[in-house]
Amino acid sequence: MIHQPAGSFSEVATGEFILEVGELLKLRETLTRVYVQRTGKPLWVVSEDMERDVFMSATEAQAYGIVDLVAVELVVKDLLLDNSWVEPKNVNYTS
């Protein structure tokens, strides 16, 4: 999931509220720029996507550019390429 940073402002003094909002805005700007750099997408695209919760599968996140590798792919490839792999004994796969 990609979304903007959030904070909890319940029962916070006004001064603390203003400071926290400022920190959240800085954090949002930093995260947006990191996502832009990592994904190669325009700033406005990443910014719009962060405005709402965007749920993605691992493969979709990889295609978006926020995930480098999907671990399952690596495990399967390693198992297929490694002829020395032997299934562990005494493993109960049903529980």
PDB file of N, CA and C in Angstrom:
ATOM      1  N   MET A   1       0.851  -1.164   0.000  1.00  0.00           N
ATOM      2  CA  MET A   1       0.000   0.000   0.000  1.00  0.00           C
ATOM      3  C   MET A   1       0.902   1.233   0.000  1.00  0.00           C
ATOM      4  N   ILE A   2       0.491   2.211  -0.734  1.00  0.00           N
ATOM      5  CA  ILE A   2       1.169   3.505  -0.736  1.00  0.00           C
ATOM      6  C   ILE A   2       0.158   4.548  -0.276  1.00  0.00           C
ATOM      7  N   HIS A   3       0.581   5.384   0.656  1.00  0.00           N
ATOM      8  CA  HIS A   3      -0.283   6.462   1.135  1.00  0.00           C
ATOM      9  C   HIS A   3       0.577   7.514   1.807  1.00  0.00           C
ATOM     10  N   GLN A   4      -0.027   8.644   2.111  1.00  0.00           N
ATOM     11  CA  GLN A   4       0.716   9.725   2.739  1.00  0.00           C
ATOM     12  C   GLN A   4       0.879   9.460   4.232  1.00  0.00           C
ATOM     13  N   PRO A   5       1.886  10.072   4.859  1.00  0.00           N
ATOM     14  CA  PRO A   5       2.073   9.909   6.302  1.00  0.00           C
ATOM     15  C   PRO A   5       0.868  10.451   7.068  1.00  0.00           C
ATOM     16  N   ALA A   6       0.626   9.889   8.230  1.00  0.00           N
ATOM     17  CA  ALA A   6      -0.495  10.324   9.058  1.00  0.00           C
ATOM     18  C   ALA A   6      -0.019  10.494  10.494  1.00  0.00           C
ATOM     19  N   GLY A   7      -0.752  11.277  11.254  1.00  0.00           N
ATOM     20  CA  GLY A   7      -0.426  11.491  12.656  1.00  0.00           C
ATOM     21  C   GLY A   7      -1.674  11.413  13.500  1.00  0.00           C
ATOM     22  N   SER A   8      -1.472  11.429  14.806  1.00  0.00           N
ATOM     23  CA  SER A   8      -2.586  11.394  15.743  1.00  0.00           C
ATOM     24  C   SER A   8      -2.606  12.716  16.498  1.00  0.00           C
ATOM     25  N   PHE A   9      -3.674  13.447  16.350  1.00  0.00           N
ATOM     26  CA  PHE A   9      -3.732  14.783  16.937  1.00  0.00           C
ATOM     27  C   PHE A   9      -4.725  14.887  18.089  1.00  0.00           C
ATOM     28  N   SER A  10      -5.203  13.788  18.608  1.00  0.00           N
ATOM     29  CA  SER A  10      -6.189  13.874  19.677  1.00  0.00           C
ATOM     30  C   SER A  10      -5.540  14.389  20.962  1.00  0.00           C
ATOM     31  N   GLU A  11      -6.186  15.325  21.579  1.00  0.00           N
ATOM     32  CA  GLU A  11      -5.763  15.905  22.857  1.00  0.00           C
ATOM     33  C   GLU A  11      -4.331  16.430  22.831  1.00  0.00           C
ATOM     34  N   VAL A  12      -3.964  17.102  21.751  1.00  0.00           N
ATOM     35  CA  VAL A  12      -2.630  17.684  21.621  1.00  0.00           C
ATOM     36  C   VAL A  12      -2.762  19.199  21.722  1.00  0.00           C
ATOM     37  N   ALA A  13      -1.844  19.808  22.443  1.00  0.00           N
ATOM     38  CA  ALA A  13      -1.847  21.269  22.558  1.00  0.00           C
ATOM     39  C   ALA A  13      -1.619  21.893  21.186  1.00  0.00           C
ATOM     40  N   THR A  14      -2.136  23.094  20.996  1.00  0.00           N
ATOM     41  CA  THR A  14      -2.065  23.762  19.694  1.00  0.00           C
ATOM     42  C   THR A  14      -0.638  23.879  19.180  1.00  0.00           C
ATOM     43  N   GLY A  15       0.284  24.263  20.036  1.00  0.00           N
ATOM     44  CA  GLY A  15       1.682  24.392  19.618  1.00  0.00           C
ATOM     45  C   GLY A  15       2.256  23.076  19.121  1.00  0.00           C
ATOM     46  N   GLU A  16       1.969  22.003  19.847  1.00  0.00           N
ATOM     47  CA  GLU A  16       2.444  20.679  19.430  1.00  0.00           C
ATOM     48  C   GLU A  16       1.780  20.254  18.123  1.00  0.00           C
ATOM     49  N   PHE A  17       0.511  20.587  17.980  1.00  0.00           N
ATOM     50  CA  PHE A  17      -0.225  20.268  16.763  1.00  0.00           C
ATOM     51  C   PHE A  17       0.448  20.908  15.555  1.00  0.00           C
ATOM     52  N   ILE A  18       0.790  22.182  15.676  1.00  0.00           N
ATOM     53  CA  ILE A  18       1.427  22.906  14.569  1.00  0.00           C
ATOM     54  C   ILE A  18       2.783  22.296  14.242  1.00  0.00           C
ATOM     55  N   LEU A  19       3.562  21.958  15.275  1.00  0.00           N
ATOM     56  CA  LEU A  19       4.868  21.327  15.047  1.00  0.00           C
ATOM     57  C   LEU A  19       4.718  19.977  14.349  1.00  0.00           C
ATOM     58  N   GLU A  20       3.743  19.187  14.806  1.00  0.00           N
ATOM     59  CA  GLU A  20       3.557  17.863  14.210  1.00  0.00           C
ATOM     60  C   GLU A  20       3.105  17.963  12.757  1.00  0.00           C
ATOM     61  N   VAL A  21       2.229  18.899  12.463  1.00  0.00           N
ATOM     62  CA  VAL A  21       1.790  19.101  11.080  1.00  0.00           C
ATOM     63  C   VAL A  21       2.982  19.463  10.206  1.00  0.00           C
ATOM     64  N   GLY A  22       3.831  20.348  10.699  1.00  0.00           N
ATOM     65  CA  GLY A  22       5.030  20.725   9.949  1.00  0.00           C
ATOM     66  C   GLY A  22       5.936  19.537   9.677  1.00  0.00           C
ATOM     67  N   GLU A  23       6.125  18.694  10.688  1.00  0.00           N
ATOM     68  CA  GLU A  23       6.962  17.501  10.518  1.00  0.00           C
ATOM     69  C   GLU A  23       6.339  16.524   9.523  1.00  0.00           C
ATOM     70  N   LEU A  24       5.017  16.361   9.590  1.00  0.00           N
ATOM     71  CA  LEU A  24       4.340  15.468   8.642  1.00  0.00           C
ATOM     72  C   LEU A  24       4.479  15.977   7.213  1.00  0.00           C
ATOM     73  N   LEU A  25       4.384  17.279   7.026  1.00  0.00           N
ATOM     74  CA  LEU A  25       4.536  17.846   5.681  1.00  0.00           C
ATOM     75  C   LEU A  25       5.950  17.626   5.149  1.00  0.00           C
ATOM     76  N   LYS A  26       6.953  17.799   6.019  1.00  0.00           N
ATOM     77  CA  LYS A  26       8.345  17.536   5.609  1.00  0.00           C
ATOM     78  C   LYS A  26       8.532  16.064   5.258  1.00  0.00           C
ATOM     79  N   LEU A  27       7.971  15.190   6.098  1.00  0.00           N
ATOM     80  CA  LEU A  27       8.080  13.751   5.852  1.00  0.00           C
ATOM     81  C   LEU A  27       7.407  13.377   4.539  1.00  0.00           C
ATOM     82  N   ARG A  28       6.232  13.954   4.285  1.00  0.00           N
ATOM     83  CA  ARG A  28       5.519  13.662   3.037  1.00  0.00           C
ATOM     84  C   ARG A  28       6.347  14.097   1.831  1.00  0.00           C
ATOM     85  N   GLU A  29       6.949  15.276   1.907  1.00  0.00           N
ATOM     86  CA  GLU A  29       7.773  15.765   0.801  1.00  0.00           C
ATOM     87  C   GLU A  29       8.980  14.849   0.574  1.00  0.00           C
ATOM     88  N   THR A  30       9.616  14.433   1.661  1.00  0.00           N
ATOM     89  CA  THR A  30      10.775  13.537   1.547  1.00  0.00           C
ATOM     90  C   THR A  30      10.374  12.201   0.935  1.00  0.00           C
ATOM     91  N   LEU A  31       9.288  11.608   1.440  1.00  0.00           N
ATOM     92  CA  LEU A  31       8.822  10.322   0.899  1.00  0.00           C
ATOM     93  C   LEU A  31       8.444  10.441  -0.572  1.00  0.00           C
ATOM     94  N   THR A  32       7.768  11.522  -0.918  1.00  0.00           N
ATOM     95  CA  THR A  32       7.370  11.723  -2.314  1.00  0.00           C
ATOM     96  C   THR A  32       8.595  11.778  -3.213  1.00  0.00           C
ATOM     97  N   ARG A  33       9.600  12.521  -2.801  1.00  0.00           N
ATOM     98  CA  ARG A  33      10.824  12.645  -3.614  1.00  0.00           C
ATOM     99  C   ARG A  33      11.575  11.313  -3.718  1.00  0.00           C
ATOM    100  N   VAL A  34      11.587  10.538  -2.644  1.00  0.00           N
ATOM    101  CA  VAL A  34      12.226   9.212  -2.696  1.00  0.00           C
ATOM    102  C   VAL A  34      11.474   8.317  -3.674  1.00  0.00           C
ATOM    103  N   TYR A  35      10.130   8.314  -3.592  1.00  0.00           N
ATOM    104  CA  TYR A  35       9.337   7.507  -4.523  1.00  0.00           C
ATOM    105  C   TYR A  35       9.546   7.954  -5.967  1.00  0.00           C
ATOM    106  N   VAL A  36       9.623   9.252  -6.193  1.00  0.00           N
ATOM    107  CA  VAL A  36       9.872   9.772  -7.549  1.00  0.00           C
ATOM    108  C   VAL A  36      11.215   9.259  -8.056  1.00  0.00           C
ATOM    109  N   GLN A  37      12.219   9.335  -7.208  1.00  0.00           N
ATOM    110  CA  GLN A  37      13.561   8.882  -7.593  1.00  0.00           C
ATOM    111  C   GLN A  37      13.584   7.379  -7.856  1.00  0.00           C
ATOM    112  N   ARG A  38      12.932   6.598  -7.000  1.00  0.00           N
ATOM    113  CA  ARG A  38      12.958   5.136  -7.128  1.00  0.00           C
ATOM    114  C   ARG A  38      12.099   4.630  -8.287  1.00  0.00           C
ATOM    115  N   THR A  39      10.961   5.285  -8.513  1.00  0.00           N
ATOM    116  CA  THR A  39      10.025   4.776  -9.523  1.00  0.00           C
ATOM    117  C   THR A  39      10.231   5.381 -10.901  1.00  0.00           C
ATOM    118  N   GLY A  40      10.806   6.581 -10.955  1.00  0.00           N
ATOM    119  CA  GLY A  40      10.946   7.274 -12.231  1.00  0.00           C
ATOM    120  C   GLY A  40       9.652   7.925 -12.691  1.00  0.00           C
ATOM    121  N   LYS A  41       8.643   7.907 -11.832  1.00  0.00           N
ATOM    122  CA  LYS A  41       7.354   8.526 -12.171  1.00  0.00           C
ATOM    123  C   LYS A  41       7.426  10.030 -11.881  1.00  0.00           C
ATOM    124  N   PRO A  42       6.610  10.826 -12.583  1.00  0.00           N
ATOM    125  CA  PRO A  42       6.587  12.268 -12.315  1.00  0.00           C
ATOM    126  C   PRO A  42       6.111  12.563 -10.889  1.00  0.00           C
ATOM    127  N   LEU A  43       6.564  13.683 -10.355  1.00  0.00           N
ATOM    128  CA  LEU A  43       6.202  14.089  -9.000  1.00  0.00           C
ATOM    129  C   LEU A  43       4.692  14.148  -8.820  1.00  0.00           C
ATOM    130  N   TRP A  44       3.980  14.681  -9.810  1.00  0.00           N
ATOM    131  CA  TRP A  44       2.527  14.830  -9.673  1.00  0.00           C
ATOM    132  C   TRP A  44       1.826  13.475  -9.598  1.00  0.00           C
ATOM    133  N   VAL A  45       2.343  12.459 -10.285  1.00  0.00           N
ATOM    134  CA  VAL A  45       1.726  11.124 -10.252  1.00  0.00           C
ATOM    135  C   VAL A  45       1.878  10.519  -8.862  1.00  0.00           C
ATOM    136  N   VAL A  46       3.104  10.548  -8.352  1.00  0.00           N
ATOM    137  CA  VAL A  46       3.357   9.985  -7.023  1.00  0.00           C
ATOM    138  C   VAL A  46       2.566  10.755  -5.970  1.00  0.00           C
ATOM    139  N   SER A  47       2.535  12.066  -6.085  1.00  0.00           N
ATOM    140  CA  SER A  47       1.808  12.895  -5.126  1.00  0.00           C
ATOM    141  C   SER A  47       0.320  12.559  -5.125  1.00  0.00           C
ATOM    142  N   GLU A  48      -0.264  12.402  -6.300  1.00  0.00           N
ATOM    143  CA  GLU A  48      -1.685  12.028  -6.385  1.00  0.00           C
ATOM    144  C   GLU A  48      -1.924  10.636  -5.810  1.00  0.00           C
ATOM    145  N   ASP A  49      -1.017   9.704  -6.099  1.00  0.00           N
ATOM    146  CA  ASP A  49      -1.178   8.345  -5.576  1.00  0.00           C
ATOM    147  C   ASP A  49      -1.086   8.319  -4.052  1.00  0.00           C
ATOM    148  N   MET A  50      -0.304   9.217  -3.479  1.00  0.00           N
ATOM    149  CA  MET A  50      -0.173   9.263  -2.023  1.00  0.00           C
ATOM    150  C   MET A  50      -1.367   9.929  -1.347  1.00  0.00           C
ATOM    151  N   GLU A  51      -2.203  10.621  -2.104  1.00  0.00           N
ATOM    152  CA  GLU A  51      -3.375  11.293  -1.534  1.00  0.00           C
ATOM    153  C   GLU A  51      -4.405  10.298  -1.008  1.00  0.00           C
ATOM    154  N   ARG A  52      -4.414   9.120  -1.547  1.00  0.00           N
ATOM    155  CA  ARG A  52      -5.379   8.105  -1.126  1.00  0.00           C
ATOM    156  C   ARG A  52      -4.618   6.803  -0.919  1.00  0.00           C
ATOM    157  N   ASP A  53      -5.219   5.858  -0.213  1.00  0.00           N
ATOM    158  CA  ASP A  53      -4.594   4.551  -0.029  1.00  0.00           C
ATOM    159  C   ASP A  53      -4.646   3.785  -1.341  1.00  0.00           C
ATOM    160  N   VAL A  54      -3.498   3.373  -1.840  1.00  0.00           N
ATOM    161  CA  VAL A  54      -3.428   2.577  -3.064  1.00  0.00           C
ATOM    162  C   VAL A  54      -2.903   1.201  -2.676  1.00  0.00           C
ATOM    163  N   PHE A  55      -3.773   0.201  -2.758  1.00  0.00           N
ATOM    164  CA  PHE A  55      -3.388  -1.162  -2.417  1.00  0.00           C
ATOM    165  C   PHE A  55      -2.850  -1.853  -3.660  1.00  0.00           C
ATOM    166  N   MET A  56      -1.732  -2.583  -3.503  1.00  0.00           N
ATOM    167  CA  MET A  56      -1.093  -3.274  -4.624  1.00  0.00           C
ATOM    168  C   MET A  56      -0.665  -4.664  -4.186  1.00  0.00           C
ATOM    169  N   SER A  57      -0.680  -5.564  -5.135  1.00  0.00           N
ATOM    170  CA  SER A  57      -0.066  -6.866  -4.889  1.00  0.00           C
ATOM    171  C   SER A  57       1.445  -6.676  -4.957  1.00  0.00           C
ATOM    172  N   ALA A  58       2.195  -7.702  -4.588  1.00  0.00           N
ATOM    173  CA  ALA A  58       3.655  -7.616  -4.660  1.00  0.00           C
ATOM    174  C   ALA A  58       4.105  -7.352  -6.092  1.00  0.00           C
ATOM    175  N   THR A  59       3.478  -8.009  -7.038  1.00  0.00           N
ATOM    176  CA  THR A  59       3.839  -7.831  -8.444  1.00  0.00           C
ATOM    177  C   THR A  59       3.492  -6.422  -8.923  1.00  0.00           C
ATOM    178  N   GLU A  60       2.334  -5.903  -8.511  1.00  0.00           N
ATOM    179  CA  GLU A  60       1.946  -4.537  -8.880  1.00  0.00           C
ATOM    180  C   GLU A  60       2.908  -3.510  -8.270  1.00  0.00           C
ATOM    181  N   ALA A  61       3.315  -3.742  -7.021  1.00  0.00           N
ATOM    182  CA  ALA A  61       4.273  -2.837  -6.375  1.00  0.00           C
ATOM    183  C   ALA A  61       5.615  -2.873  -7.098  1.00  0.00           C
ATOM    184  N   GLN A  62       5.994  -4.044  -7.578  1.00  0.00           N
ATOM    185  CA  GLN A  62       7.238  -4.168  -8.344  1.00  0.00           C
ATOM    186  C   GLN A  62       7.112  -3.405  -9.664  1.00  0.00           C
ATOM    187  N   ALA A  63       5.973  -3.536 -10.325  1.00  0.00           N
ATOM    188  CA  ALA A  63       5.754  -2.826 -11.587  1.00  0.00           C
ATOM    189  C   ALA A  63       5.711  -1.309 -11.361  1.00  0.00           C
ATOM    190  N   TYR A  64       5.157  -0.879 -10.239  1.00  0.00           N
ATOM    191  CA  TYR A  64       5.095   0.551  -9.905  1.00  0.00           C
ATOM    192  C   TYR A  64       6.492   1.104  -9.637  1.00  0.00           C
ATOM    193  N   GLY A  65       7.361   0.242  -9.103  1.00  0.00           N
ATOM    194  CA  GLY A  65       8.742   0.653  -8.858  1.00  0.00           C
ATOM    195  C   GLY A  65       9.119   0.836  -7.404  1.00  0.00           C
ATOM    196  N   ILE A  66       8.203   0.509  -6.478  1.00  0.00           N
ATOM    197  CA  ILE A  66       8.536   0.663  -5.062  1.00  0.00           C
ATOM    198  C   ILE A  66       9.041  -0.630  -4.434  1.00  0.00           C
ATOM    199  N   VAL A  67       9.065  -1.702  -5.222  1.00  0.00           N
ATOM    200  CA  VAL A  67       9.616  -2.983  -4.778  1.00  0.00           C
ATOM    201  C   VAL A  67      10.614  -3.440  -5.824  1.00  0.00           C
ATOM    202  N   ASP A  68      11.798  -3.843  -5.382  1.00  0.00           N
ATOM    203  CA  ASP A  68      12.819  -4.299  -6.327  1.00  0.00           C
ATOM    204  C   ASP A  68      12.573  -5.733  -6.782  1.00  0.00           C
ATOM    205  N   LEU A  69      12.351  -6.608  -5.812  1.00  0.00           N
ATOM    206  CA  LEU A  69      12.187  -8.031  -6.119  1.00  0.00           C
ATOM    207  C   LEU A  69      11.045  -8.604  -5.299  1.00  0.00           C
ATOM    208  N   VAL A  70      10.409  -9.621  -5.844  1.00  0.00           N
ATOM    209  CA  VAL A  70       9.390 -10.355  -5.109  1.00  0.00           C
ATOM    210  C   VAL A  70      10.058 -11.633  -4.621  1.00  0.00           C
ATOM    211  N   ALA A  71      10.130 -11.816  -3.316  1.00  0.00           N
ATOM    212  CA  ALA A  71      10.914 -12.892  -2.706  1.00  0.00           C
ATOM    213  C   ALA A  71      10.509 -14.278  -3.192  1.00  0.00           C
ATOM    214  N   VAL A  72       9.250 -14.522  -3.394  1.00  0.00           N
ATOM    215  CA  VAL A  72       8.805 -15.845  -3.817  1.00  0.00           C
ATOM    216  C   VAL A  72       9.467 -16.231  -5.132  1.00  0.00           C
ATOM    217  N   GLU A  73       9.592 -15.278  -6.041  1.00  0.00           N
ATOM    218  CA  GLU A  73      10.242 -15.563  -7.322  1.00  0.00           C
ATOM    219  C   GLU A  73      11.665 -16.049  -7.102  1.00  0.00           C
ATOM    220  N   LEU A  74      12.384 -15.410  -6.207  1.00  0.00           N
ATOM    221  CA  LEU A  74      13.772 -15.783  -5.950  1.00  0.00           C
ATOM    222  C   LEU A  74      13.870 -17.163  -5.332  1.00  0.00           C
ATOM    223  N   VAL A  75      12.996 -17.467  -4.394  1.00  0.00           N
ATOM    224  CA  VAL A  75      13.024 -18.777  -3.742  1.00  0.00           C
ATOM    225  C   VAL A  75      12.741 -19.871  -4.755  1.00  0.00           C
ATOM    226  N   VAL A  76      11.730 -19.694  -5.579  1.00  0.00           N
ATOM    227  CA  VAL A  76      11.382 -20.701  -6.586  1.00  0.00           C
ATOM    228  C   VAL A  76      12.527 -20.879  -7.573  1.00  0.00           C
ATOM    229  N   LYS A  77      13.104 -19.781  -8.052  1.00  0.00           N
ATOM    230  CA  LYS A  77      14.226 -19.884  -8.987  1.00  0.00           C
ATOM    231  C   LYS A  77      15.394 -20.621  -8.355  1.00  0.00           C
ATOM    232  N   ASP A  78      15.720 -20.290  -7.107  1.00  0.00           N
ATOM    233  CA  ASP A  78      16.822 -20.963  -6.421  1.00  0.00           C
ATOM    234  C   ASP A  78      16.554 -22.456  -6.288  1.00  0.00           C
ATOM    235  N   LEU A  79      15.329 -22.807  -5.952  1.00  0.00           N
ATOM    236  CA  LEU A  79      15.001 -24.223  -5.792  1.00  0.00           C
ATOM    237  C   LEU A  79      15.071 -24.961  -7.122  1.00  0.00           C
ATOM    238  N   LEU A  80      14.632 -24.321  -8.184  1.00  0.00           N
ATOM    239  CA  LEU A  80      14.663 -24.959  -9.497  1.00  0.00           C
ATOM    240  C   LEU A  80      16.083 -25.094 -10.029  1.00  0.00           C
ATOM    241  N   LEU A  81      16.928 -24.138  -9.727  1.00  0.00           N
ATOM    242  CA  LEU A  81      18.298 -24.157 -10.231  1.00  0.00           C
ATOM    243  C   LEU A  81      19.243 -24.983  -9.368  1.00  0.00           C
ATOM    244  N   ASP A  82      18.893 -25.170  -8.104  1.00  0.00           N
ATOM    245  CA  ASP A  82      19.768 -25.884  -7.174  1.00  0.00           C
ATOM    246  C   ASP A  82      19.365 -27.355  -7.123  1.00  0.00           C
ATOM    247  N   ASN A  83      20.084 -28.185  -7.838  1.00  0.00           N
ATOM    248  CA  ASN A  83      19.760 -29.614  -7.898  1.00  0.00           C
ATOM    249  C   ASN A  83      20.076 -30.346  -6.604  1.00  0.00           C
ATOM    250  N   SER A  84      20.798 -29.703  -5.705  1.00  0.00           N
ATOM    251  CA  SER A  84      21.164 -30.371  -4.459  1.00  0.00           C
ATOM    252  C   SER A  84      20.091 -30.226  -3.384  1.00  0.00           C
ATOM    253  N   TRP A  85      19.018 -29.475  -3.685  1.00  0.00           N
ATOM    254  CA  TRP A  85      17.988 -29.268  -2.679  1.00  0.00           C
ATOM    255  C   TRP A  85      17.255 -30.568  -2.408  1.00  0.00           C
ATOM    256  N   VAL A  86      17.103 -30.878  -1.123  1.00  0.00           N
ATOM    257  CA  VAL A  86      16.382 -32.079  -0.697  1.00  0.00           C
ATOM    258  C   VAL A  86      15.301 -31.631   0.270  1.00  0.00           C
ATOM    259  N   GLU A  87      14.118 -32.183   0.089  1.00  0.00           N
ATOM    260  CA  GLU A  87      13.019 -31.817   0.974  1.00  0.00           C
ATOM    261  C   GLU A  87      13.341 -32.237   2.402  1.00  0.00           C
ATOM    262  N   PRO A  88      13.129 -31.337   3.372  1.00  0.00           N
ATOM    263  CA  PRO A  88      13.418 -31.675   4.767  1.00  0.00           C
ATOM    264  C   PRO A  88      12.547 -32.825   5.247  1.00  0.00           C
ATOM    265  N   LYS A  89      13.122 -33.670   6.096  1.00  0.00           N
ATOM    266  CA  LYS A  89      12.370 -34.800   6.664  1.00  0.00           C
ATOM    267  C   LYS A  89      11.676 -34.345   7.938  1.00  0.00           C
ATOM    268  N   ASN A  90      10.655 -35.072   8.309  1.00  0.00           N
ATOM    269  CA  ASN A  90       9.919 -34.824   9.549  1.00  0.00           C
ATOM    270  C   ASN A  90       9.296 -33.427   9.596  1.00  0.00           C
ATOM    271  N   VAL A  91       8.835 -32.947   8.470  1.00  0.00           N
ATOM    272  CA  VAL A  91       8.159 -31.656   8.434  1.00  0.00           C
ATOM    273  C   VAL A  91       6.682 -31.910   8.197  1.00  0.00           C
ATOM    274  N   ASN A  92       5.852 -31.375   9.074  1.00  0.00           N
ATOM    275  CA  ASN A  92       4.416 -31.547   8.946  1.00  0.00           C
ATOM    276  C   ASN A  92       3.857 -30.342   8.194  1.00  0.00           C
ATOM    277  N   TYR A  93       3.502 -30.522   6.937  1.00  0.00           N
ATOM    278  CA  TYR A  93       3.014 -29.422   6.105  1.00  0.00           C
ATOM    279  C   TYR A  93       1.527 -29.140   6.308  1.00  0.00           C
ATOM    280  N   THR A  94       0.836 -29.976   7.056  1.00  0.00           N
ATOM    281  CA  THR A  94      -0.613 -29.820   7.195  1.00  0.00           C
ATOM    282  C   THR A  94      -1.009 -28.921   8.350  1.00  0.00           C
ATOM    283  N   SER A  95      -0.099 -28.620   9.268  1.00  0.00           N
ATOM    284  CA  SER A  95      -0.509 -27.797  10.414  1.00  0.00           C
ATOM    285  C   SER A  95      -0.011 -26.395  10.309  1.00  0.00           C
TER     286      SER A  95
END
